[in-house]
C-alpha atoms as a PDB file:
ATOM      1  CA  UNK A   1     112.306 105.454  75.004  1.00  0.00           C
ATOM      2  CA  UNK A   2     111.937 102.015  77.068  1.00  0.00           C
ATOM      3  CA  UNK A   3     109.048 100.260  78.416  1.00  0.00           C
ATOM      4  CA  UNK A   4     108.357  97.246  80.611  1.00  0.00           C
ATOM      5  CA  UNK A   5     107.464  94.315  78.003  1.00  0.00           C
ATOM      6  CA  UNK A   6     103.396  94.580  77.974  1.00  0.00           C
ATOM      7  CA  UNK A   7     103.657  90.691  79.130  1.00  0.00           C
ATOM      8  CA  UNK A   8     105.321  91.270  81.977  1.00  0.00           C
ATOM      9  CA  UNK A   9     103.248  94.680  83.021  1.00  0.00           C
ATOM     10  CA  UNK A  10      99.887  92.421  83.073  1.00  0.00           C
ATOM     11  CA  UNK A  11     101.808  89.817  85.189  1.00  0.00           C
ATOM     12  CA  UNK A  12     103.531  91.979  88.035  1.00  0.00           C
ATOM     13  CA  UNK A  13      99.766  94.081  88.345  1.00  0.00           C
ATOM     14  CA  UNK A  14      97.820  90.541  88.547  1.00  0.00           C
ATOM     15  CA  UNK A  15     100.283  89.127  90.699  1.00  0.00           C
ATOM     16  CA  UNK A  16      99.947  91.789  93.423  1.00  0.00           C
ATOM     17  CA  UNK A  17      96.341  92.267  92.591  1.00  0.00           C
ATOM     18  CA  UNK A  18      95.618  88.576  93.349  1.00  0.00           C
ATOM     19  CA  UNK A  19      97.687  88.285  96.982  1.00  0.00           C
ATOM     20  CA  UNK A  20      95.781  87.873 100.126  1.00  0.00           C
ATOM     21  CA  UNK A  21      94.993  91.013 101.504  1.00  0.00           C
ATOM     22  CA  UNK A  22      95.851  92.825 103.588  1.00  0.00           C
ATOM     23  CA  UNK A  23      99.461  92.191 102.785  1.00  0.00           C
ATOM     24  CA  UNK A  24     102.102  92.612 105.490  1.00  0.00           C
ATOM     25  CA  UNK A  25     105.149  95.360 104.134  1.00  0.00           C
ATOM     26  CA  UNK A  26     107.841  92.713 104.994  1.00  0.00           C
ATOM     27  CA  UNK A  27     106.159  89.355 103.544  1.00  0.00           C
ATOM     28  CA  UNK A  28     105.397  91.880 100.252  1.00  0.00           C
ATOM     29  CA  UNK A  29     108.914  92.659 100.077  1.00  0.00           C
ATOM     30  CA  UNK A  30     109.861  88.881 100.005  1.00  0.00           C
ATOM     31  CA  UNK A  31     107.372  87.890  97.576  1.00  0.00           C
ATOM     32  CA  UNK A  32     108.788  90.839  95.594  1.00  0.00           C
ATOM     33  CA  UNK A  33     112.383  89.377  95.444  1.00  0.00           C
ATOM     34  CA  UNK A  34     110.798  86.266  93.752  1.00  0.00           C
ATOM     35  CA  UNK A  35     109.874  88.326  91.063  1.00  0.00           C
ATOM     36  CA  UNK A  36     113.558  89.548  90.362  1.00  0.00           C
ATOM     37  CA  UNK A  37     113.107  92.925  92.247  1.00  0.00           C
ATOM     38  CA  UNK A  38     115.475  93.875  94.823  1.00  0.00           C
ATOM     39  CA  UNK A  39     115.384  95.540  98.103  1.00  0.00           C
ATOM     40  CA  UNK A  40     117.035  99.155  97.755  1.00  0.00           C
ATOM     41  CA  UNK A  41     115.516  99.847 101.816  1.00  0.00           C
ATOM     42  CA  UNK A  42     112.451  99.428 103.037  1.00  0.00           C
ATOM     43  CA  UNK A  43     109.550  99.761 100.801  1.00  0.00           C
ATOM     44  CA  UNK A  44     111.596 100.708  97.795  1.00  0.00           C
ATOM     45  CA  UNK A  45     112.258  97.659  95.098  1.00  0.00           C
ATOM     46  CA  UNK A  46     114.583  97.875  92.035  1.00  0.00           C
ATOM     47  CA  UNK A  47     112.688  95.688  89.501  1.00  0.00           C
ATOM     48  CA  UNK A  48     114.771  94.093  86.520  1.00  0.00           C
ATOM     49  CA  UNK A  49     114.150  96.054  83.254  1.00  0.00           C
ATOM     50  CA  UNK A  50     116.018  98.744  81.767  1.00  0.00           C
ATOM     51  CA  UNK A  51     114.477 101.458  82.594  1.00  0.00           C
ATOM     52  CA  UNK A  52     116.210 105.199  83.890  1.00  0.00           C
ATOM     53  CA  UNK A  53     114.290 104.608  87.104  1.00  0.00           C
ATOM     54  CA  UNK A  54     113.191 101.005  87.730  1.00  0.00           C
ATOM     55  CA  UNK A  55     111.728 101.021  91.114  1.00  0.00           C
ATOM     56  CA  UNK A  56     108.700 100.167  92.513  1.00  0.00           C
ATOM     57  CA  UNK A  57     107.359 101.756  96.184  1.00  0.00           C
ATOM     58  CA  UNK A  58     105.378  99.558  98.258  1.00  0.00           C
ATOM     59  CA  UNK A  59     103.832 102.030 100.891  1.00  0.00           C
ATOM     60  CA  UNK A  60     102.350 101.113 104.094  1.00  0.00           C
ATOM     61  CA  UNK A  61      99.534 102.288 106.542  1.00  0.00           C
ATOM     62  CA  UNK A  62     100.755 103.463 109.068  1.00  0.00           C
ATOM     63  CA  UNK A  63     100.692 101.499 112.606  1.00  0.00           C
ATOM     64  CA  UNK A  64      99.091  98.778 110.391  1.00  0.00           C
ATOM     65  CA  UNK A  65     102.287  97.791 108.629  1.00  0.00           C
ATOM     66  CA  UNK A  66      99.945  96.370 105.886  1.00  0.00           C
ATOM     67  CA  UNK A  67     100.561  97.628 102.140  1.00  0.00           C
ATOM     68  CA  UNK A  68      98.221 100.421 101.197  1.00  0.00           C
ATOM     69  CA  UNK A  69      99.529 101.328  97.632  1.00  0.00           C
ATOM     70  CA  UNK A  70     101.846  99.402  94.860  1.00  0.00           C
ATOM     71  CA  UNK A  71     103.123 102.199  92.772  1.00  0.00           C
ATOM     72  CA  UNK A  72     105.647 101.948  89.560  1.00  0.00           C
ATOM     73  CA  UNK A  73     107.020 103.082  86.386  1.00  0.00           C
ATOM     74  CA  UNK A  74     106.045 101.314  83.100  1.00  0.00           C
ATOM     75  CA  UNK A  75     108.165 103.896  80.924  1.00  0.00           C
ATOM     76  CA  UNK A  76     110.920 105.817  81.349  1.00  0.00           C
ATOM     77  CA  UNK A  77     109.846 109.877  81.853  1.00  0.00           C
ATOM     78  CA  UNK A  78     110.699 111.468  78.776  1.00  0.00           C
ATOM     79  CA  UNK A  79     109.995 115.387  79.538  1.00  0.00           C
ATOM     80  CA  UNK A  80     110.649 116.329  75.908  1.00  0.00           C
ATOM     81  CA  UNK A  81     107.543 116.673  74.062  1.00  0.00           C
ATOM     82  CA  UNK A  82     107.633 115.283  70.423  1.00  0.00           C
ATOM     83  CA  UNK A  83     105.086 112.800  68.183  1.00  0.00           C
ATOM     84  CA  UNK A  84     107.427 110.138  68.877  1.00  0.00           C
ATOM     85  CA  UNK A  85     106.919 110.171  72.769  1.00  0.00           C
ATOM     86  CA  UNK A  86     103.532 110.933  72.534  1.00  0.00           C
ATOM     87  CA  UNK A  87     103.015 107.479  70.536  1.00  0.00           C
ATOM     88  CA  UNK A  88     105.203 105.626  71.966  1.00  0.00           C
ATOM     89  CA  UNK A  89     103.066 106.588  75.675  1.00  0.00           C
ATOM     90  CA  UNK A  90      99.907 105.880  73.880  1.00  0.00           C
ATOM     91  CA  UNK A  91     100.852 102.386  72.783  1.00  0.00           C
ATOM     92  CA  UNK A  92     102.657 101.447  76.031  1.00  0.00           C
ATOM     93  CA  UNK A  93      99.367 102.403  77.807  1.00  0.00           C
ATOM     94  CA  UNK A  94      97.024 100.918  75.367  1.00  0.00           C
ATOM     95  CA  UNK A  95      98.715  97.679  74.987  1.00  0.00           C
ATOM     96  CA  UNK A  96      98.588  97.409  78.939  1.00  0.00           C
ATOM     97  CA  UNK A  97      94.687  98.574  78.895  1.00  0.00           C
ATOM     98  CA  UNK A  98      94.218  95.749  76.425  1.00  0.00           C
ATOM     99  CA  UNK A  99      96.250  93.055  78.448  1.00  0.00           C
ATOM    100  CA  UNK A 100      94.280  93.818  81.599  1.00  0.00           C
ATOM    101  CA  UNK A 101      91.115  93.954  80.004  1.00  0.00           C
ATOM    102  CA  UNK A 102      91.559  90.515  78.833  1.00  0.00           C
ATOM    103  CA  UNK A 103      92.061  89.496  82.959  1.00  0.00           C
ATOM    104  CA  UNK A 104      89.164  91.967  84.139  1.00  0.00           C
ATOM    105  CA  UNK A 105      86.732  93.938  82.226  1.00  0.00           C
ATOM    106  CA  UNK A 106      87.072  97.274  80.378  1.00  0.00           C
ATOM    107  CA  UNK A 107      88.283  99.826  82.439  1.00  0.00           C
ATOM    108  CA  UNK A 108      86.600 103.193  83.421  1.00  0.00           C
ATOM    109  CA  UNK A 109      88.113 105.510  81.211  1.00  0.00           C
ATOM    110  CA  UNK A 110      89.067 109.111  81.825  1.00  0.00           C
ATOM    111  CA  UNK A 111      90.859 111.822  79.707  1.00  0.00           C
ATOM    112  CA  UNK A 112      91.858 115.215  80.949  1.00  0.00           C
ATOM    113  CA  UNK A 113      94.273 117.613  79.214  1.00  0.00           C
ATOM    114  CA  UNK A 114      97.193 116.052  81.347  1.00  0.00           C
ATOM    115  CA  UNK A 115      96.540 112.785  81.296  1.00  0.00           C
ATOM    116  CA  UNK A 116      94.667 109.500  80.308  1.00  0.00           C
ATOM    117  CA  UNK A 117      93.783 107.380  82.717  1.00  0.00           C
ATOM    118  CA  UNK A 118      92.005 103.470  82.943  1.00  0.00           C
ATOM    119  CA  UNK A 119      90.363 102.531  86.156  1.00  0.00           C
ATOM    120  CA  UNK A 120      89.963  99.079  87.382  1.00  0.00           C
ATOM    121  CA  UNK A 121      87.625  98.355  90.576  1.00  0.00           C
ATOM    122  CA  UNK A 122      88.132  94.440  90.704  1.00  0.00           C
ATOM    123  CA  UNK A 123      85.596  92.078  93.346  1.00  0.00           C
ATOM    124  CA  UNK A 124      88.103  91.605  95.616  1.00  0.00           C
ATOM    125  CA  UNK A 125      88.451  95.573  96.515  1.00  0.00           C
ATOM    126  CA  UNK A 126      91.245  96.208  95.031  1.00  0.00           C
ATOM    127  CA  UNK A 127      91.471  99.436  92.987  1.00  0.00           C
ATOM    128  CA  UNK A 128      94.238 100.072  89.992  1.00  0.00           C
ATOM    129  CA  UNK A 129      94.486 102.768  87.962  1.00  0.00           C
ATOM    130  CA  UNK A 130      97.077 102.993  85.056  1.00  0.00           C
ATOM    131  CA  UNK A 131      97.991 106.545  83.651  1.00  0.00           C
ATOM    132  CA  UNK A 132      99.301 108.041  80.831  1.00  0.00           C
ATOM    133  CA  UNK A 133     101.105 111.039  81.458  1.00  0.00           C
ATOM    134  CA  UNK A 134     102.427 111.875  78.113  1.00  0.00           C
ATOM    135  CA  UNK A 135     106.021 111.703  79.867  1.00  0.00           C
ATOM    136  CA  UNK A 136     105.804 108.530  81.831  1.00  0.00           C
ATOM    137  CA  UNK A 137     102.994 105.621  81.529  1.00  0.00           C
ATOM    138  CA  UNK A 138     102.548 103.984  85.348  1.00  0.00           C
ATOM    139  CA  UNK A 139     100.191 102.229  87.608  1.00  0.00           C
ATOM    140  CA  UNK A 140      99.121 102.748  91.115  1.00  0.00           C
ATOM    141  CA  UNK A 141      97.393  99.556  93.225  1.00  0.00           C
ATOM    142  CA  UNK A 142      95.241 100.351  96.197  1.00  0.00           C
ATOM    143  CA  UNK A 143      94.775  97.414  98.617  1.00  0.00           C
ATOM    144  CA  UNK A 144      91.127  96.653  99.479  1.00  0.00           C
ATOM    145  CA  UNK A 145      91.503  98.198 102.823  1.00  0.00           C
ATOM    146  CA  UNK A 146      93.381 101.461 101.089  1.00  0.00           C
ATOM    147  CA  UNK A 147      90.330 101.654  98.385  1.00  0.00           C
ATOM    148  CA  UNK A 148      87.814 101.829 100.761  1.00  0.00           C
ATOM    149  CA  UNK A 149      89.579 104.747 102.357  1.00  0.00           C
ATOM    150  CA  UNK A 150      89.830 106.548  99.201  1.00  0.00           C
ATOM    151  CA  UNK A 151      86.157 105.531  98.618  1.00  0.00           C
ATOM    152  CA  UNK A 152      85.232 107.354 101.779  1.00  0.00           C
ATOM    153  CA  UNK A 153      87.141 110.497 101.345  1.00  0.00           C
ATOM    154  CA  UNK A 154      85.833 111.165  97.548  1.00  0.00           C
ATOM    155  CA  UNK A 155      82.256 110.570  99.064  1.00  0.00           C
ATOM    156  CA  UNK A 156      81.887 107.129  96.785  1.00  0.00           C
ATOM    157  CA  UNK A 157      80.444 105.092  99.636  1.00  0.00           C
END
């Protein structure tokens, strides 16, 4: 089982959240190259980590061509259930939460049968979600504009 090192995870998330939003998709891809990422195709980048599927996705907002969502896996996907897998995923999740908590604040935590989720609603409008779905740990970052749309759709406005 493999994972992106915790320090790198924190740097990656803080890097993207700290950008000047809205962020043009083409500019975001250029910035990703500076992180050592490689462009596979529009909006899909390979990250320099030894994961089975070390890719990040930059999803745009359609006609506006600004980045709405950035998502990536922190770990390999491990389908076979075991105590070792669950402990590994939990350690990666807890480590990433602790690292980002030092950067921002304590996240809102949600727990269900399927996953643990840490949520940060940041002062610049970005929303960050870290999920431990037992078979994989992953991040989703919403741009301030997209986070506003999501809040509206959830009736949280």
